[in-house]
Amino acid sequence: MTSPAIFQIKEIEFYTSSGWNGISSVSKRKFNSNEHAFYETDSTNPKHIIPKKLVSKDRAEKITELLQYINIKELRNKYLVAWTDATTMYLKITFGDGSIKQIEDYGMAGTFGLSLLYELFRQ
């Protein structure tokens, strides 16, 4: 059995984009790591701005552990489902060493681990 990858996360950005019948919807969140704490912002809707909301330690640990367990750096950069009018999840992770991983997941069904990650983002 292999061990999870170990890396530091500086920032996580994710946003969804869905368009159906000419209607587009975007949701964007960002998690910034600052001295072992994650801060969450949402700047897509001026009425729903979260300037800097401290993410619970438990939630931050779950996100970090899952990213390491699924070895996010080794996942593909693009996933597609076979149907149309699906939501796309865009994920960008900046690591402590300065490297960046970007994933585009049309249909939000790229891997089981990514699906779990999306659920953690929505909590």
PDB file of N, CA and C in Angstrom:
ATOM      1  N   MET A   1       0.842  -1.174   0.000  1.00  0.00           N
ATOM      2  CA  MET A   1       0.000   0.000   0.000  1.00  0.00           C
ATOM      3  C   MET A   1       0.891   1.242   0.000  1.00  0.00           C
ATOM      4  N   THR A   2       0.548   2.227  -0.801  1.00  0.00           N
ATOM      5  CA  THR A   2       1.345   3.445  -0.869  1.00  0.00           C
ATOM      6  C   THR A   2       0.833   4.466   0.132  1.00  0.00           C
ATOM      7  N   SER A   3       1.730   5.352   0.541  1.00  0.00           N
ATOM      8  CA  SER A   3       1.378   6.411   1.485  1.00  0.00           C
ATOM      9  C   SER A   3       0.865   7.621   0.726  1.00  0.00           C
ATOM     10  N   PRO A   4       0.021   8.438   1.362  1.00  0.00           N
ATOM     11  CA  PRO A   4      -0.430   9.664   0.703  1.00  0.00           C
ATOM     12  C   PRO A   4       0.740  10.605   0.427  1.00  0.00           C
ATOM     13  N   ALA A   5       0.605  11.407  -0.603  1.00  0.00           N
ATOM     14  CA  ALA A   5       1.613  12.427  -0.900  1.00  0.00           C
ATOM     15  C   ALA A   5       1.579  13.479   0.208  1.00  0.00           C
ATOM     16  N   ILE A   6       2.709  14.092   0.473  1.00  0.00           N
ATOM     17  CA  ILE A   6       2.786  15.140   1.487  1.00  0.00           C
ATOM     18  C   ILE A   6       3.251  16.422   0.806  1.00  0.00           C
ATOM     19  N   PHE A   7       2.440  17.470   0.901  1.00  0.00           N
ATOM     20  CA  PHE A   7       2.801  18.770   0.344  1.00  0.00           C
ATOM     21  C   PHE A   7       2.029  19.856   1.072  1.00  0.00           C
ATOM     22  N   GLN A   8       2.576  21.056   1.021  1.00  0.00           N
ATOM     23  CA  GLN A   8       1.901  22.207   1.623  1.00  0.00           C
ATOM     24  C   GLN A   8       1.045  22.887   0.560  1.00  0.00           C
ATOM     25  N   ILE A   9      -0.069  23.427   0.995  1.00  0.00           N
ATOM     26  CA  ILE A   9      -0.972  24.136   0.094  1.00  0.00           C
ATOM     27  C   ILE A   9      -0.990  25.601   0.486  1.00  0.00           C
ATOM     28  N   LYS A  10      -0.707  26.451  -0.484  1.00  0.00           N
ATOM     29  CA  LYS A  10      -0.716  27.895  -0.250  1.00  0.00           C
ATOM     30  C   LYS A  10      -2.099  28.475  -0.544  1.00  0.00           C
ATOM     31  N   GLU A  11      -2.714  28.015  -1.639  1.00  0.00           N
ATOM     32  CA  GLU A  11      -4.002  28.586  -2.045  1.00  0.00           C
ATOM     33  C   GLU A  11      -4.771  27.583  -2.896  1.00  0.00           C
ATOM     34  N   ILE A  12      -6.083  27.580  -2.713  1.00  0.00           N
ATOM     35  CA  ILE A  12      -6.979  26.766  -3.534  1.00  0.00           C
ATOM     36  C   ILE A  12      -8.039  27.699  -4.099  1.00  0.00           C
ATOM     37  N   GLU A  13      -8.184  27.689  -5.411  1.00  0.00           N
ATOM     38  CA  GLU A  13      -9.247  28.443  -6.071  1.00  0.00           C
ATOM     39  C   GLU A  13     -10.115  27.446  -6.796  1.00  0.00           C
ATOM     40  N   PHE A  14     -11.415  27.613  -6.688  1.00  0.00           N
ATOM     41  CA  PHE A  14     -12.284  26.782  -7.504  1.00  0.00           C
ATOM     42  C   PHE A  14     -13.509  27.584  -7.883  1.00  0.00           C
ATOM     43  N   TYR A  15     -13.974  27.308  -9.064  1.00  0.00           N
ATOM     44  CA  TYR A  15     -15.234  27.911  -9.456  1.00  0.00           C
ATOM     45  C   TYR A  15     -15.960  26.991 -10.406  1.00  0.00           C
ATOM     46  N   THR A  16     -17.262  27.092 -10.377  1.00  0.00           N
ATOM     47  CA  THR A  16     -18.096  26.318 -11.269  1.00  0.00           C
ATOM     48  C   THR A  16     -18.697  27.255 -12.291  1.00  0.00           C
ATOM     49  N   SER A  17     -18.918  26.722 -13.445  1.00  0.00           N
ATOM     50  CA  SER A  17     -19.568  27.468 -14.505  1.00  0.00           C
ATOM     51  C   SER A  17     -20.573  26.540 -15.155  1.00  0.00           C
ATOM     52  N   SER A  18     -21.803  26.966 -15.172  1.00  0.00           N
ATOM     53  CA  SER A  18     -22.816  26.145 -15.831  1.00  0.00           C
ATOM     54  C   SER A  18     -23.628  27.029 -16.749  1.00  0.00           C
ATOM     55  N   GLY A  19     -23.929  26.499 -17.879  1.00  0.00           N
ATOM     56  CA  GLY A  19     -24.756  27.218 -18.829  1.00  0.00           C
ATOM     57  C   GLY A  19     -25.762  26.272 -19.424  1.00  0.00           C
ATOM     58  N   TRP A  20     -27.011  26.615 -19.307  1.00  0.00           N
ATOM     59  CA  TRP A  20     -28.048  25.782 -19.877  1.00  0.00           C
ATOM     60  C   TRP A  20     -29.064  26.700 -20.512  1.00  0.00           C
ATOM     61  N   ASN A  21     -29.358  26.454 -21.761  1.00  0.00           N
ATOM     62  CA  ASN A  21     -30.371  27.236 -22.475  1.00  0.00           C
ATOM     63  C   ASN A  21     -30.032  28.722 -22.465  1.00  0.00           C
ATOM     64  N   GLY A  22     -28.730  29.035 -22.600  1.00  0.00           N
ATOM     65  CA  GLY A  22     -28.307  30.432 -22.670  1.00  0.00           C
ATOM     66  C   GLY A  22     -28.153  31.113 -21.333  1.00  0.00           C
ATOM     67  N   ILE A  23     -28.436  30.414 -20.236  1.00  0.00           N
ATOM     68  CA  ILE A  23     -28.311  30.994 -18.907  1.00  0.00           C
ATOM     69  C   ILE A  23     -27.007  30.500 -18.294  1.00  0.00           C
ATOM     70  N   SER A  24     -26.198  31.427 -17.804  1.00  0.00           N
ATOM     71  CA  SER A  24     -24.911  31.060 -17.229  1.00  0.00           C
ATOM     72  C   SER A  24     -24.891  31.395 -15.747  1.00  0.00           C
ATOM     73  N   SER A  25     -24.303  30.504 -14.982  1.00  0.00           N
ATOM     74  CA  SER A  25     -24.189  30.705 -13.542  1.00  0.00           C
ATOM     75  C   SER A  25     -22.753  30.409 -13.134  1.00  0.00           C
ATOM     76  N   VAL A  26     -22.178  31.276 -12.306  1.00  0.00           N
ATOM     77  CA  VAL A  26     -20.801  31.087 -11.863  1.00  0.00           C
ATOM     78  C   VAL A  26     -20.746  31.213 -10.347  1.00  0.00           C
ATOM     79  N   SER A  27     -20.027  30.315  -9.719  1.00  0.00           N
ATOM     80  CA  SER A  27     -19.774  30.376  -8.290  1.00  0.00           C
ATOM     81  C   SER A  27     -18.277  30.233  -8.105  1.00  0.00           C
ATOM     82  N   LYS A  28     -17.666  31.118  -7.319  1.00  0.00           N
ATOM     83  CA  LYS A  28     -16.215  31.093  -7.160  1.00  0.00           C
ATOM     84  C   LYS A  28     -15.852  31.220  -5.694  1.00  0.00           C
ATOM     85  N   ARG A  29     -14.893  30.412  -5.271  1.00  0.00           N
ATOM     86  CA  ARG A  29     -14.395  30.469  -3.907  1.00  0.00           C
ATOM     87  C   ARG A  29     -12.882  30.359  -3.927  1.00  0.00           C
ATOM     88  N   LYS A  30     -12.271  30.910  -2.918  1.00  0.00           N
ATOM     89  CA  LYS A  30     -10.816  30.833  -2.788  1.00  0.00           C
ATOM     90  C   LYS A  30     -10.488  30.545  -1.337  1.00  0.00           C
ATOM     91  N   PHE A  31      -9.553  29.625  -1.137  1.00  0.00           N
ATOM     92  CA  PHE A  31      -9.038  29.314   0.188  1.00  0.00           C
ATOM     93  C   PHE A  31      -7.580  29.724   0.210  1.00  0.00           C
ATOM     94  N   ASN A  32      -7.201  30.562   1.150  1.00  0.00           N
ATOM     95  CA  ASN A  32      -5.809  30.977   1.308  1.00  0.00           C
ATOM     96  C   ASN A  32      -5.276  30.435   2.617  1.00  0.00           C
ATOM     97  N   SER A  33      -4.087  29.898   2.556  1.00  0.00           N
ATOM     98  CA  SER A  33      -3.459  29.383   3.768  1.00  0.00           C
ATOM     99  C   SER A  33      -2.602  30.486   4.377  1.00  0.00           C
ATOM    100  N   ASN A  34      -2.792  30.726   5.657  1.00  0.00           N
ATOM    101  CA  ASN A  34      -2.029  31.745   6.357  1.00  0.00           C
ATOM    102  C   ASN A  34      -1.750  31.221   7.753  1.00  0.00           C
ATOM    103  N   GLU A  35      -0.520  30.801   7.979  1.00  0.00           N
ATOM    104  CA  GLU A  35      -0.136  30.248   9.269  1.00  0.00           C
ATOM    105  C   GLU A  35      -1.083  29.128   9.699  1.00  0.00           C
ATOM    106  N   HIS A  36      -1.261  28.158   8.818  1.00  0.00           N
ATOM    107  CA  HIS A  36      -2.044  26.951   9.065  1.00  0.00           C
ATOM    108  C   HIS A  36      -3.548  27.202   9.156  1.00  0.00           C
ATOM    109  N   ALA A  37      -4.023  28.326   8.696  1.00  0.00           N
ATOM    110  CA  ALA A  37      -5.462  28.581   8.661  1.00  0.00           C
ATOM    111  C   ALA A  37      -5.868  28.839   7.219  1.00  0.00           C
ATOM    112  N   PHE A  38      -7.056  28.436   6.868  1.00  0.00           N
ATOM    113  CA  PHE A  38      -7.583  28.712   5.543  1.00  0.00           C
ATOM    114  C   PHE A  38      -8.643  29.797   5.660  1.00  0.00           C
ATOM    115  N   TYR A  39      -8.587  30.758   4.749  1.00  0.00           N
ATOM    116  CA  TYR A  39      -9.583  31.805   4.670  1.00  0.00           C
ATOM    117  C   TYR A  39     -10.329  31.652   3.365  1.00  0.00           C
ATOM    118  N   GLU A  40     -11.620  31.859   3.410  1.00  0.00           N
ATOM    119  CA  GLU A  40     -12.462  31.650   2.245  1.00  0.00           C
ATOM    120  C   GLU A  40     -13.047  32.974   1.785  1.00  0.00           C
ATOM    121  N   THR A  41     -13.022  33.201   0.483  1.00  0.00           N
ATOM    122  CA  THR A  41     -13.648  34.394  -0.088  1.00  0.00           C
ATOM    123  C   THR A  41     -14.538  33.992  -1.247  1.00  0.00           C
ATOM    124  N   ASP A  42     -15.533  34.786  -1.507  1.00  0.00           N
ATOM    125  CA  ASP A  42     -16.444  34.575  -2.634  1.00  0.00           C
ATOM    126  C   ASP A  42     -16.708  35.936  -3.241  1.00  0.00           C
ATOM    127  N   SER A  43     -16.199  36.155  -4.448  1.00  0.00           N
ATOM    128  CA  SER A  43     -16.310  37.488  -5.046  1.00  0.00           C
ATOM    129  C   SER A  43     -17.189  37.510  -6.284  1.00  0.00           C
ATOM    130  N   THR A  44     -17.971  36.468  -6.525  1.00  0.00           N
ATOM    131  CA  THR A  44     -18.759  36.432  -7.753  1.00  0.00           C
ATOM    132  C   THR A  44     -20.061  37.214  -7.653  1.00  0.00           C
ATOM    133  N   ASN A  45     -20.577  37.375  -6.454  1.00  0.00           N
ATOM    134  CA  ASN A  45     -21.839  38.061  -6.266  1.00  0.00           C
ATOM    135  C   ASN A  45     -21.643  39.161  -5.219  1.00  0.00           C
ATOM    136  N   PRO A  46     -21.695  40.429  -5.623  1.00  0.00           N
ATOM    137  CA  PRO A  46     -21.453  41.514  -4.669  1.00  0.00           C
ATOM    138  C   PRO A  46     -22.359  41.480  -3.439  1.00  0.00           C
ATOM    139  N   LYS A  47     -23.528  40.875  -3.560  1.00  0.00           N
ATOM    140  CA  LYS A  47     -24.426  40.785  -2.408  1.00  0.00           C
ATOM    141  C   LYS A  47     -24.055  39.629  -1.493  1.00  0.00           C
ATOM    142  N   HIS A  48     -23.180  38.751  -1.957  1.00  0.00           N
ATOM    143  CA  HIS A  48     -22.814  37.569  -1.173  1.00  0.00           C
ATOM    144  C   HIS A  48     -21.293  37.468  -1.022  1.00  0.00           C
ATOM    145  N   ILE A  49     -20.656  38.573  -0.729  1.00  0.00           N
ATOM    146  CA  ILE A  49     -19.208  38.565  -0.577  1.00  0.00           C
ATOM    147  C   ILE A  49     -18.852  38.081   0.822  1.00  0.00           C
ATOM    148  N   ILE A  50     -17.952  37.125   0.869  1.00  0.00           N
ATOM    149  CA  ILE A  50     -17.385  36.683   2.134  1.00  0.00           C
ATOM    150  C   ILE A  50     -15.971  37.240   2.138  1.00  0.00           C
ATOM    151  N   PRO A  51     -15.729  38.406   2.778  1.00  0.00           N
ATOM    152  CA  PRO A  51     -14.418  39.039   2.661  1.00  0.00           C
ATOM    153  C   PRO A  51     -13.281  38.134   3.098  1.00  0.00           C
ATOM    154  N   LYS A  52     -13.338  37.593   4.285  1.00  0.00           N
ATOM    155  CA  LYS A  52     -12.356  36.636   4.780  1.00  0.00           C
ATOM    156  C   LYS A  52     -13.019  35.867   5.898  1.00  0.00           C
ATOM    157  N   LYS A  53     -13.463  34.702   5.582  1.00  0.00           N
ATOM    158  CA  LYS A  53     -14.142  33.869   6.570  1.00  0.00           C
ATOM    159  C   LYS A  53     -13.198  32.734   6.938  1.00  0.00           C
ATOM    160  N   LEU A  54     -12.897  32.610   8.216  1.00  0.00           N
ATOM    161  CA  LEU A  54     -12.017  31.548   8.674  1.00  0.00           C
ATOM    162  C   LEU A  54     -12.697  30.202   8.487  1.00  0.00           C
ATOM    163  N   VAL A  55     -12.027  29.314   7.784  1.00  0.00           N
ATOM    164  CA  VAL A  55     -12.534  27.966   7.579  1.00  0.00           C
ATOM    165  C   VAL A  55     -12.212  27.158   8.824  1.00  0.00           C
ATOM    166  N   SER A  56     -13.158  26.353   9.268  1.00  0.00           N
ATOM    167  CA  SER A  56     -12.916  25.569  10.482  1.00  0.00           C
ATOM    168  C   SER A  56     -11.682  24.691  10.294  1.00  0.00           C
ATOM    169  N   LYS A  57     -10.997  24.473  11.398  1.00  0.00           N
ATOM    170  CA  LYS A  57      -9.780  23.658  11.356  1.00  0.00           C
ATOM    171  C   LYS A  57     -10.112  22.260  10.845  1.00  0.00           C
ATOM    172  N   ASP A  58     -11.230  21.714  11.265  1.00  0.00           N
ATOM    173  CA  ASP A  58     -11.642  20.378  10.843  1.00  0.00           C
ATOM    174  C   ASP A  58     -11.844  20.320   9.329  1.00  0.00           C
ATOM    175  N   ARG A  59     -12.548  21.307   8.781  1.00  0.00           N
ATOM    176  CA  ARG A  59     -12.799  21.341   7.330  1.00  0.00           C
ATOM    177  C   ARG A  59     -11.495  21.513   6.558  1.00  0.00           C
ATOM    178  N   ALA A  60     -10.616  22.402   7.015  1.00  0.00           N
ATOM    179  CA  ALA A  60      -9.335  22.632   6.357  1.00  0.00           C
ATOM    180  C   ALA A  60      -8.486  21.365   6.370  1.00  0.00           C
ATOM    181  N   GLU A  61      -8.482  20.660   7.488  1.00  0.00           N
ATOM    182  CA  GLU A  61      -7.719  19.412   7.582  1.00  0.00           C
ATOM    183  C   GLU A  61      -8.276  18.360   6.640  1.00  0.00           C
ATOM    184  N   LYS A  62      -9.601  18.261   6.550  1.00  0.00           N
ATOM    185  CA  LYS A  62     -10.222  17.291   5.651  1.00  0.00           C
ATOM    186  C   LYS A  62      -9.850  17.581   4.201  1.00  0.00           C
ATOM    187  N   ILE A  63      -9.879  18.865   3.813  1.00  0.00           N
ATOM    188  CA  ILE A  63      -9.520  19.245   2.444  1.00  0.00           C
ATOM    189  C   ILE A  63      -8.063  18.894   2.169  1.00  0.00           C
ATOM    190  N   THR A  64      -7.168  19.278   3.072  1.00  0.00           N
ATOM    191  CA  THR A  64      -5.741  19.013   2.897  1.00  0.00           C
ATOM    192  C   THR A  64      -5.464  17.519   2.846  1.00  0.00           C
ATOM    193  N   GLU A  65      -6.038  16.771   3.764  1.00  0.00           N
ATOM    194  CA  GLU A  65      -5.815  15.326   3.793  1.00  0.00           C
ATOM    195  C   GLU A  65      -6.332  14.656   2.533  1.00  0.00           C
ATOM    196  N   LEU A  66      -7.492  15.080   2.053  1.00  0.00           N
ATOM    197  CA  LEU A  66      -8.039  14.483   0.840  1.00  0.00           C
ATOM    198  C   LEU A  66      -7.160  14.796  -0.368  1.00  0.00           C
ATOM    199  N   LEU A  67      -6.697  16.048  -0.466  1.00  0.00           N
ATOM    200  CA  LEU A  67      -5.813  16.412  -1.581  1.00  0.00           C
ATOM    201  C   LEU A  67      -4.549  15.562  -1.579  1.00  0.00           C
ATOM    202  N   GLN A  68      -4.031  15.285  -0.405  1.00  0.00           N
ATOM    203  CA  GLN A  68      -2.832  14.456  -0.307  1.00  0.00           C
ATOM    204  C   GLN A  68      -3.153  12.988  -0.583  1.00  0.00           C
ATOM    205  N   TYR A  69      -4.262  12.509  -0.067  1.00  0.00           N
ATOM    206  CA  TYR A  69      -4.643  11.110  -0.243  1.00  0.00           C
ATOM    207  C   TYR A  69      -4.863  10.775  -1.716  1.00  0.00           C
ATOM    208  N   ILE A  70      -5.542  11.666  -2.447  1.00  0.00           N
ATOM    209  CA  ILE A  70      -5.796  11.391  -3.866  1.00  0.00           C
ATOM    210  C   ILE A  70      -4.614  11.800  -4.737  1.00  0.00           C
ATOM    211  N   ASN A  71      -3.551  12.318  -4.104  1.00  0.00           N
ATOM    212  CA  ASN A  71      -2.348  12.778  -4.805  1.00  0.00           C
ATOM    213  C   ASN A  71      -2.739  13.694  -5.978  1.00  0.00           C
ATOM    214  N   ILE A  72      -3.327  14.811  -5.635  1.00  0.00           N
ATOM    215  CA  ILE A  72      -3.888  15.754  -6.602  1.00  0.00           C
ATOM    216  C   ILE A  72      -2.906  16.140  -7.705  1.00  0.00           C
ATOM    217  N   LYS A  73      -1.625  16.184  -7.390  1.00  0.00           N
ATOM    218  CA  LYS A  73      -0.624  16.568  -8.395  1.00  0.00           C
ATOM    219  C   LYS A  73      -0.557  15.575  -9.551  1.00  0.00           C
ATOM    220  N   GLU A  74      -0.937  14.331  -9.307  1.00  0.00           N
ATOM    221  CA  GLU A  74      -0.830  13.290 -10.325  1.00  0.00           C
ATOM    222  C   GLU A  74      -2.110  13.087 -11.135  1.00  0.00           C
ATOM    223  N   LEU A  75      -3.188  13.757 -10.773  1.00  0.00           N
ATOM    224  CA  LEU A  75      -4.433  13.604 -11.522  1.00  0.00           C
ATOM    225  C   LEU A  75      -4.330  14.289 -12.882  1.00  0.00           C
ATOM    226  N   ARG A  76      -5.199  13.885 -13.794  1.00  0.00           N
ATOM    227  CA  ARG A  76      -5.233  14.509 -15.126  1.00  0.00           C
ATOM    228  C   ARG A  76      -5.658  15.965 -14.987  1.00  0.00           C
ATOM    229  N   ASN A  77      -5.390  16.747 -16.008  1.00  0.00           N
ATOM    230  CA  ASN A  77      -5.750  18.166 -16.003  1.00  0.00           C
ATOM    231  C   ASN A  77      -7.153  18.426 -16.546  1.00  0.00           C
ATOM    232  N   LYS A  78      -7.742  17.419 -17.200  1.00  0.00           N
ATOM    233  CA  LYS A  78      -9.053  17.633 -17.802  1.00  0.00           C
ATOM    234  C   LYS A  78      -9.869  16.345 -17.756  1.00  0.00           C
ATOM    235  N   TYR A  79     -11.137  16.501 -17.373  1.00  0.00           N
ATOM    236  CA  TYR A  79     -12.092  15.392 -17.350  1.00  0.00           C
ATOM    237  C   TYR A  79     -13.359  15.846 -18.060  1.00  0.00           C
ATOM    238  N   LEU A  80     -14.007  14.921 -18.783  1.00  0.00           N
ATOM    239  CA  LEU A  80     -15.224  15.231 -19.528  1.00  0.00           C
ATOM    240  C   LEU A  80     -16.244  14.115 -19.359  1.00  0.00           C
ATOM    241  N   VAL A  81     -17.516  14.479 -19.224  1.00  0.00           N
ATOM    242  CA  VAL A  81     -18.590  13.492 -19.267  1.00  0.00           C
ATOM    243  C   VAL A  81     -19.119  13.446 -20.688  1.00  0.00           C
ATOM    244  N   ALA A  82     -19.923  12.442 -21.003  1.00  0.00           N
ATOM    245  CA  ALA A  82     -20.395  12.233 -22.373  1.00  0.00           C
ATOM    246  C   ALA A  82     -21.671  13.000 -22.715  1.00  0.00           C
ATOM    247  N   TRP A  83     -22.257  13.703 -21.751  1.00  0.00           N
ATOM    248  CA  TRP A  83     -23.484  14.437 -22.026  1.00  0.00           C
ATOM    249  C   TRP A  83     -23.208  15.944 -22.093  1.00  0.00           C
ATOM    250  N   THR A  84     -24.215  16.708 -22.476  1.00  0.00           N
ATOM    251  CA  THR A  84     -24.051  18.161 -22.622  1.00  0.00           C
ATOM    252  C   THR A  84     -24.788  18.893 -21.509  1.00  0.00           C
ATOM    253  N   ASP A  85     -24.592  20.201 -21.489  1.00  0.00           N
ATOM    254  CA  ASP A  85     -25.230  21.098 -20.518  1.00  0.00           C
ATOM    255  C   ASP A  85     -24.875  20.751 -19.077  1.00  0.00           C
ATOM    256  N   ALA A  86     -23.648  20.309 -18.870  1.00  0.00           N
ATOM    257  CA  ALA A  86     -23.182  19.955 -17.526  1.00  0.00           C
ATOM    258  C   ALA A  86     -22.433  21.132 -16.907  1.00  0.00           C
ATOM    259  N   THR A  87     -22.327  21.118 -15.611  1.00  0.00           N
ATOM    260  CA  THR A  87     -21.550  22.115 -14.887  1.00  0.00           C
ATOM    261  C   THR A  87     -20.078  21.754 -14.986  1.00  0.00           C
ATOM    262  N   THR A  88     -19.230  22.766 -15.123  1.00  0.00           N
ATOM    263  CA  THR A  88     -17.791  22.562 -15.154  1.00  0.00           C
ATOM    264  C   THR A  88     -17.187  23.104 -13.870  1.00  0.00           C
ATOM    265  N   MET A  89     -16.321  22.313 -13.258  1.00  0.00           N
ATOM    266  CA  MET A  89     -15.579  22.743 -12.080  1.00  0.00           C
ATOM    267  C   MET A  89     -14.154  23.044 -12.525  1.00  0.00           C
ATOM    268  N   TYR A  90     -13.696  24.228 -12.184  1.00  0.00           N
ATOM    269  CA  TYR A  90     -12.316  24.617 -12.442  1.00  0.00           C
ATOM    270  C   TYR A  90     -11.611  24.679 -11.095  1.00  0.00           C
ATOM    271  N   LEU A  91     -10.485  24.017 -11.003  1.00  0.00           N
ATOM    272  CA  LEU A  91      -9.749  23.920  -9.754  1.00  0.00           C
ATOM    273  C   LEU A  91      -8.303  24.320 -10.003  1.00  0.00           C
ATOM    274  N   LYS A  92      -7.791  25.218  -9.157  1.00  0.00           N
ATOM    275  CA  LYS A  92      -6.395  25.650  -9.244  1.00  0.00           C
ATOM    276  C   LYS A  92      -5.811  25.601  -7.843  1.00  0.00           C
ATOM    277  N   ILE A  93      -4.746  24.844  -7.698  1.00  0.00           N
ATOM    278  CA  ILE A  93      -4.093  24.711  -6.403  1.00  0.00           C
ATOM    279  C   ILE A  93      -2.663  25.195  -6.537  1.00  0.00           C
ATOM    280  N   THR A  94      -2.292  26.142  -5.679  1.00  0.00           N
ATOM    281  CA  THR A  94      -0.917  26.623  -5.604  1.00  0.00           C
ATOM    282  C   THR A  94      -0.296  25.999  -4.367  1.00  0.00           C
ATOM    283  N   PHE A  95       0.822  25.315  -4.571  1.00  0.00           N
ATOM    284  CA  PHE A  95       1.486  24.602  -3.488  1.00  0.00           C
ATOM    285  C   PHE A  95       2.567  25.467  -2.853  1.00  0.00           C
ATOM    286  N   GLY A  96       3.002  25.063  -1.692  1.00  0.00           N
ATOM    287  CA  GLY A  96       4.023  25.800  -0.951  1.00  0.00           C
ATOM    288  C   GLY A  96       5.324  25.963  -1.712  1.00  0.00           C
ATOM    289  N   ASP A  97       5.630  25.021  -2.613  1.00  0.00           N
ATOM    290  CA  ASP A  97       6.866  25.113  -3.399  1.00  0.00           C
ATOM    291  C   ASP A  97       6.706  25.982  -4.643  1.00  0.00           C
ATOM    292  N   GLY A  98       5.517  26.582  -4.820  1.00  0.00           N
ATOM    293  CA  GLY A  98       5.275  27.464  -5.963  1.00  0.00           C
ATOM    294  C   GLY A  98       4.677  26.762  -7.167  1.00  0.00           C
ATOM    295  N   SER A  99       4.634  25.434  -7.176  1.00  0.00           N
ATOM    296  CA  SER A  99       4.039  24.720  -8.306  1.00  0.00           C
ATOM    297  C   SER A  99       2.518  24.879  -8.275  1.00  0.00           C
ATOM    298  N   ILE A 100       1.913  24.712  -9.435  1.00  0.00           N
ATOM    299  CA  ILE A 100       0.471  24.908  -9.589  1.00  0.00           C
ATOM    300  C   ILE A 100      -0.127  23.703 -10.301  1.00  0.00           C
ATOM    301  N   LYS A 101      -1.286  23.264  -9.837  1.00  0.00           N
ATOM    302  CA  LYS A 101      -2.050  22.207 -10.489  1.00  0.00           C
ATOM    303  C   LYS A 101      -3.405  22.783 -10.857  1.00  0.00           C
ATOM    304  N   GLN A 102      -3.792  22.638 -12.134  1.00  0.00           N
ATOM    305  CA  GLN A 102      -5.088  23.105 -12.591  1.00  0.00           C
ATOM    306  C   GLN A 102      -5.858  21.933 -13.184  1.00  0.00           C
ATOM    307  N   ILE A 103      -7.134  21.854 -12.816  1.00  0.00           N
ATOM    308  CA  ILE A 103      -8.000  20.793 -13.319  1.00  0.00           C
ATOM    309  C   ILE A 103      -9.294  21.417 -13.817  1.00  0.00           C
ATOM    310  N   GLU A 104      -9.731  20.980 -14.987  1.00  0.00           N
ATOM    311  CA  GLU A 104     -11.033  21.347 -15.550  1.00  0.00           C
ATOM    312  C   GLU A 104     -11.855  20.072 -15.587  1.00  0.00           C
ATOM    313  N   ASP A 105     -13.013  20.074 -14.924  1.00  0.00           N
ATOM    314  CA  ASP A 105     -13.818  18.869 -14.790  1.00  0.00           C
ATOM    315  C   ASP A 105     -15.239  19.141 -15.286  1.00  0.00           C
ATOM    316  N   TYR A 106     -15.470  18.877 -16.583  1.00  0.00           N
ATOM    317  CA  TYR A 106     -16.790  19.073 -17.182  1.00  0.00           C
ATOM    318  C   TYR A 106     -17.694  17.923 -16.754  1.00  0.00           C
ATOM    319  N   GLY A 107     -18.704  18.230 -15.966  1.00  0.00           N
ATOM    320  CA  GLY A 107     -19.615  17.234 -15.434  1.00  0.00           C
ATOM    321  C   GLY A 107     -19.360  16.921 -13.971  1.00  0.00           C
ATOM    322  N   MET A 108     -18.258  17.438 -13.452  1.00  0.00           N
ATOM    323  CA  MET A 108     -17.888  17.274 -12.043  1.00  0.00           C
ATOM    324  C   MET A 108     -17.909  15.811 -11.616  1.00  0.00           C
ATOM    325  N   ALA A 109     -17.405  14.941 -12.483  1.00  0.00           N
ATOM    326  CA  ALA A 109     -17.384  13.509 -12.198  1.00  0.00           C
ATOM    327  C   ALA A 109     -16.036  12.898 -12.579  1.00  0.00           C
ATOM    328  N   GLY A 110     -14.974  13.696 -12.490  1.00  0.00           N
ATOM    329  CA  GLY A 110     -13.649  13.248 -12.931  1.00  0.00           C
ATOM    330  C   GLY A 110     -13.153  12.016 -12.204  1.00  0.00           C
ATOM    331  N   THR A 111     -13.157  12.046 -10.879  1.00  0.00           N
ATOM    332  CA  THR A 111     -12.771  10.896 -10.063  1.00  0.00           C
ATOM    333  C   THR A 111     -13.623  10.922  -8.801  1.00  0.00           C
ATOM    334  N   PHE A 112     -13.654   9.805  -8.101  1.00  0.00           N
ATOM    335  CA  PHE A 112     -14.392   9.746  -6.846  1.00  0.00           C
ATOM    336  C   PHE A 112     -13.793  10.727  -5.840  1.00  0.00           C
ATOM    337  N   GLY A 113     -12.455  10.809  -5.792  1.00  0.00           N
ATOM    338  CA  GLY A 113     -11.784  11.731  -4.879  1.00  0.00           C
ATOM    339  C   GLY A 113     -12.125  13.184  -5.165  1.00  0.00           C
ATOM    340  N   LEU A 114     -12.190  13.554  -6.441  1.00  0.00           N
ATOM    341  CA  LEU A 114     -12.573  14.925  -6.794  1.00  0.00           C
ATOM    342  C   LEU A 114     -14.011  15.214  -6.375  1.00  0.00           C
ATOM    343  N   SER A 115     -14.894  14.257  -6.557  1.00  0.00           N
ATOM    344  CA  SER A 115     -16.295  14.438  -6.134  1.00  0.00           C
ATOM    345  C   SER A 115     -16.384  14.695  -4.633  1.00  0.00           C
ATOM    346  N   LEU A 116     -15.599  13.960  -3.845  1.00  0.00           N
ATOM    347  CA  LEU A 116     -15.562  14.197  -2.401  1.00  0.00           C
ATOM    348  C   LEU A 116     -15.022  15.586  -2.089  1.00  0.00           C
ATOM    349  N   LEU A 117     -14.010  16.008  -2.828  1.00  0.00           N
ATOM    350  CA  LEU A 117     -13.427  17.339  -2.639  1.00  0.00           C
ATOM    351  C   LEU A 117     -14.457  18.427  -2.915  1.00  0.00           C
ATOM    352  N   TYR A 118     -15.227  18.275  -3.983  1.00  0.00           N
ATOM    353  CA  TYR A 118     -16.253  19.270  -4.299  1.00  0.00           C
ATOM    354  C   TYR A 118     -17.277  19.387  -3.175  1.00  0.00           C
ATOM    355  N   GLU A 119     -17.628  18.269  -2.583  1.00  0.00           N
ATOM    356  CA  GLU A 119     -18.560  18.293  -1.449  1.00  0.00           C
ATOM    357  C   GLU A 119     -17.981  19.063  -0.273  1.00  0.00           C
ATOM    358  N   LEU A 120     -16.687  18.886   0.000  1.00  0.00           N
ATOM    359  CA  LEU A 120     -16.041  19.640   1.082  1.00  0.00           C
ATOM    360  C   LEU A 120     -16.023  21.129   0.784  1.00  0.00           C
ATOM    361  N   PHE A 121     -15.848  21.495  -0.478  1.00  0.00           N
ATOM    362  CA  PHE A 121     -15.846  22.915  -0.844  1.00  0.00           C
ATOM    363  C   PHE A 121     -17.200  23.541  -0.604  1.00  0.00           C
ATOM    364  N   ARG A 122     -18.266  22.777  -0.795  1.00  0.00           N
ATOM    365  CA  ARG A 122     -19.623  23.327  -0.685  1.00  0.00           C
ATOM    366  C   ARG A 122     -20.144  23.393   0.739  1.00  0.00           C
ATOM    367  N   GLN A 123     -19.438  22.824   1.681  1.00  0.00           N
ATOM    368  CA  GLN A 123     -19.926  22.815   3.070  1.00  0.00           C
ATOM    369  C   GLN A 123     -19.863  24.200   3.678  1.00  0.00           C
TER     370      GLN A 123
END
